[in-house]
Amino acid sequence: MNKEELIDKMVTAVMEDFDFDRVHRVMVNLNWKWDGIGDCKMTVPSSYRLMKRAESLLRDAAQHYGDKESYSCSSGGFMARLDGEALTLHFILTEMTSFASDFIDIDEPCPKADI
């Protein structure tokens, strides 16, 4: 099997098992809107549009199979991630990141984490 055939199979497997209707219901309930396709109108995307965006992100991530150990791309709440041999699609409702460098005085030595 060549790389393109593998990517097609991996993307298809994720797309078949992902619950796009559930994501659509969440977006409707939250009135989560995306910009229209070139028309500057904000609307809640259809399930079909959600699927097309997700497939595009999955294919983008999967193209890095064999080239990078890890790669992710995201848009509109979706994140496609390639981690080694695993291709994953996430729908992220909320997320927060904190960086140690935001809290460390650059003139002081960095404390060691006890993790």
C-alpha atoms as a PDB file:
ATOM      1  CA  MET A   1       0.000   0.000   0.000  1.00  0.00           C
ATOM      2  CA  ASN A   2       1.430   3.393  -0.926  1.00  0.00           C
ATOM      3  CA  LYS A   3       1.284   6.511   1.264  1.00  0.00           C
ATOM      4  CA  GLU A   4      -1.762   8.011  -0.484  1.00  0.00           C
ATOM      5  CA  GLU A   5      -3.764   4.797  -0.081  1.00  0.00           C
ATOM      6  CA  LEU A   6      -2.792   4.622   3.590  1.00  0.00           C
ATOM      7  CA  ILE A   7      -3.840   8.247   4.137  1.00  0.00           C
ATOM      8  CA  ASP A   8      -7.186   7.612   2.420  1.00  0.00           C
ATOM      9  CA  LYS A   9      -7.861   4.605   4.672  1.00  0.00           C
ATOM     10  CA  MET A  10      -6.847   6.450   7.854  1.00  0.00           C
ATOM     11  CA  VAL A  11      -8.926   9.543   7.023  1.00  0.00           C
ATOM     12  CA  THR A  12     -11.932   7.418   6.057  1.00  0.00           C
ATOM     13  CA  ALA A  13     -11.743   5.460   9.323  1.00  0.00           C
ATOM     14  CA  VAL A  14     -11.755   8.646  11.409  1.00  0.00           C
ATOM     15  CA  MET A  15     -14.515  10.272   9.344  1.00  0.00           C
ATOM     16  CA  GLU A  16     -16.787   7.205   9.595  1.00  0.00           C
ATOM     17  CA  ASP A  17     -16.582   6.990  13.384  1.00  0.00           C
ATOM     18  CA  PHE A  18     -16.563  10.678  14.347  1.00  0.00           C
ATOM     19  CA  ASP A  19     -19.922  12.024  15.595  1.00  0.00           C
ATOM     20  CA  PHE A  20     -20.395  15.112  13.415  1.00  0.00           C
ATOM     21  CA  ASP A  21     -24.086  15.368  14.327  1.00  0.00           C
ATOM     22  CA  ARG A  22     -23.119  15.724  17.982  1.00  0.00           C
ATOM     23  CA  VAL A  23     -20.644  18.493  17.137  1.00  0.00           C
ATOM     24  CA  HIS A  24     -23.340  20.211  15.054  1.00  0.00           C
ATOM     25  CA  ARG A  25     -25.833  20.053  17.962  1.00  0.00           C
ATOM     26  CA  VAL A  26     -23.243  21.633  20.284  1.00  0.00           C
ATOM     27  CA  MET A  27     -22.551  24.394  17.771  1.00  0.00           C
ATOM     28  CA  VAL A  28     -26.274  25.075  17.289  1.00  0.00           C
ATOM     29  CA  ASN A  29     -26.848  25.210  21.073  1.00  0.00           C
ATOM     30  CA  LEU A  30     -23.904  27.573  21.552  1.00  0.00           C
ATOM     31  CA  ASN A  31     -24.729  29.572  18.407  1.00  0.00           C
ATOM     32  CA  TRP A  32     -21.104  28.935  17.371  1.00  0.00           C
ATOM     33  CA  LYS A  33     -20.769  30.559  13.983  1.00  0.00           C
ATOM     34  CA  TRP A  34     -18.166  30.366  11.262  1.00  0.00           C
ATOM     35  CA  ASP A  35     -17.532  32.904   8.567  1.00  0.00           C
ATOM     36  CA  GLY A  36     -19.417  32.021   5.397  1.00  0.00           C
ATOM     37  CA  ILE A  37     -17.531  30.835   2.359  1.00  0.00           C
ATOM     38  CA  GLY A  38     -16.437  34.178   0.966  1.00  0.00           C
ATOM     39  CA  ASP A  39     -19.759  35.880   1.712  1.00  0.00           C
ATOM     40  CA  CYS A  40     -18.802  37.488   5.071  1.00  0.00           C
ATOM     41  CA  LYS A  41     -21.953  36.072   6.715  1.00  0.00           C
ATOM     42  CA  MET A  42     -21.497  34.375  10.076  1.00  0.00           C
ATOM     43  CA  THR A  43     -23.600  31.201  10.330  1.00  0.00           C
ATOM     44  CA  VAL A  44     -23.598  27.951  12.258  1.00  0.00           C
ATOM     45  CA  PRO A  45     -22.014  25.498   9.831  1.00  0.00           C
ATOM     46  CA  SER A  46     -24.005  22.538   8.538  1.00  0.00           C
ATOM     47  CA  SER A  47     -22.971  18.982   9.395  1.00  0.00           C
ATOM     48  CA  TYR A  48     -21.770  18.648   5.802  1.00  0.00           C
ATOM     49  CA  ARG A  49     -19.553  21.741   6.122  1.00  0.00           C
ATOM     50  CA  LEU A  50     -18.174  20.430   9.418  1.00  0.00           C
ATOM     51  CA  MET A  51     -17.298  17.165   7.695  1.00  0.00           C
ATOM     52  CA  LYS A  52     -15.572  18.893   4.785  1.00  0.00           C
ATOM     53  CA  ARG A  53     -13.456  21.065   7.135  1.00  0.00           C
ATOM     54  CA  ALA A  54     -12.543  18.066   9.286  1.00  0.00           C
ATOM     55  CA  GLU A  55     -11.575  15.982   6.262  1.00  0.00           C
ATOM     56  CA  SER A  56      -9.370  18.781   4.971  1.00  0.00           C
ATOM     57  CA  LEU A  57      -7.598  19.073   8.327  1.00  0.00           C
ATOM     58  CA  LEU A  58      -7.163  15.302   8.593  1.00  0.00           C
ATOM     59  CA  ARG A  59      -5.630  15.115   5.119  1.00  0.00           C
ATOM     60  CA  ASP A  60      -3.328  18.028   5.931  1.00  0.00           C
ATOM     61  CA  ALA A  61      -2.088  16.314   9.101  1.00  0.00           C
ATOM     62  CA  ALA A  62      -1.855  12.865   7.487  1.00  0.00           C
ATOM     63  CA  GLN A  63       0.328  14.189   4.648  1.00  0.00           C
ATOM     64  CA  HIS A  64       3.139  14.379   7.215  1.00  0.00           C
ATOM     65  CA  TYR A  65       3.013  10.616   7.886  1.00  0.00           C
ATOM     66  CA  GLY A  66       6.541   9.261   7.761  1.00  0.00           C
ATOM     67  CA  ASP A  67       8.071  12.748   7.624  1.00  0.00           C
ATOM     68  CA  LYS A  68       7.339  14.055  11.123  1.00  0.00           C
ATOM     69  CA  GLU A  69       6.748  12.264  14.406  1.00  0.00           C
ATOM     70  CA  SER A  70       4.013  14.698  15.366  1.00  0.00           C
ATOM     71  CA  TYR A  71       1.963  17.294  13.490  1.00  0.00           C
ATOM     72  CA  SER A  72      -1.305  19.064  14.170  1.00  0.00           C
ATOM     73  CA  CYS A  73      -3.487  21.658  12.483  1.00  0.00           C
ATOM     74  CA  SER A  74      -6.716  23.249  13.611  1.00  0.00           C
ATOM     75  CA  SER A  75      -9.598  25.455  12.581  1.00  0.00           C
ATOM     76  CA  GLY A  76     -13.073  26.286  13.873  1.00  0.00           C
ATOM     77  CA  GLY A  77     -12.839  24.078  16.955  1.00  0.00           C
ATOM     78  CA  PHE A  78     -11.412  21.067  15.121  1.00  0.00           C
ATOM     79  CA  MET A  79      -7.881  19.815  15.557  1.00  0.00           C
ATOM     80  CA  ALA A  80      -6.402  17.040  13.436  1.00  0.00           C
ATOM     81  CA  ARG A  81      -3.303  15.434  14.867  1.00  0.00           C
ATOM     82  CA  LEU A  82      -0.826  12.927  13.561  1.00  0.00           C
ATOM     83  CA  ASP A  83       1.149  11.363  16.393  1.00  0.00           C
ATOM     84  CA  GLY A  84       3.475   8.673  15.097  1.00  0.00           C
ATOM     85  CA  GLU A  85       1.103   6.266  13.390  1.00  0.00           C
ATOM     86  CA  ALA A  86      -2.094   7.605  14.987  1.00  0.00           C
ATOM     87  CA  LEU A  87      -4.377  10.079  13.204  1.00  0.00           C
ATOM     88  CA  THR A  88      -6.880  11.754  15.529  1.00  0.00           C
ATOM     89  CA  LEU A  89      -9.644  14.320  15.127  1.00  0.00           C
ATOM     90  CA  HIS A  90     -10.634  16.441  18.139  1.00  0.00           C
ATOM     91  CA  PHE A  91     -13.420  18.929  18.589  1.00  0.00           C
ATOM     92  CA  ILE A  92     -12.229  21.326  21.252  1.00  0.00           C
ATOM     93  CA  LEU A  93     -14.773  23.342  23.162  1.00  0.00           C
ATOM     94  CA  THR A  94     -12.284  25.120  25.385  1.00  0.00           C
ATOM     95  CA  GLU A  95      -8.561  25.038  26.015  1.00  0.00           C
ATOM     96  CA  MET A  96      -5.986  27.034  27.951  1.00  0.00           C
ATOM     97  CA  THR A  97      -2.206  26.993  27.940  1.00  0.00           C
ATOM     98  CA  SER A  98       0.229  28.438  30.462  1.00  0.00           C
ATOM     99  CA  PHE A  99       3.951  28.848  29.811  1.00  0.00           C
ATOM    100  CA  ALA A 100       6.537  28.839  32.586  1.00  0.00           C
ATOM    101  CA  SER A 101       8.436  31.601  30.809  1.00  0.00           C
ATOM    102  CA  ASP A 102       5.515  33.972  31.459  1.00  0.00           C
ATOM    103  CA  PHE A 103       6.169  33.734  35.198  1.00  0.00           C
ATOM    104  CA  ILE A 104       9.931  33.419  35.454  1.00  0.00           C
ATOM    105  CA  ASP A 105      12.124  36.476  35.783  1.00  0.00           C
ATOM    106  CA  ILE A 106      14.687  36.067  33.004  1.00  0.00           C
ATOM    107  CA  ASP A 107      17.422  37.380  35.336  1.00  0.00           C
ATOM    108  CA  GLU A 108      16.800  34.546  37.807  1.00  0.00           C
ATOM    109  CA  PRO A 109      17.690  30.902  37.172  1.00  0.00           C
ATOM    110  CA  CYS A 110      14.790  28.717  36.107  1.00  0.00           C
ATOM    111  CA  PRO A 111      13.437  26.551  38.937  1.00  0.00           C
ATOM    112  CA  LYS A 112      13.539  22.838  38.328  1.00  0.00           C
ATOM    113  CA  ALA A 113      10.223  21.062  38.180  1.00  0.00           C
ATOM    114  CA  ASP A 114       9.676  18.102  40.496  1.00  0.00           C
ATOM    115  CA  ILE A 115       7.642  16.121  38.001  1.00  0.00           C
END
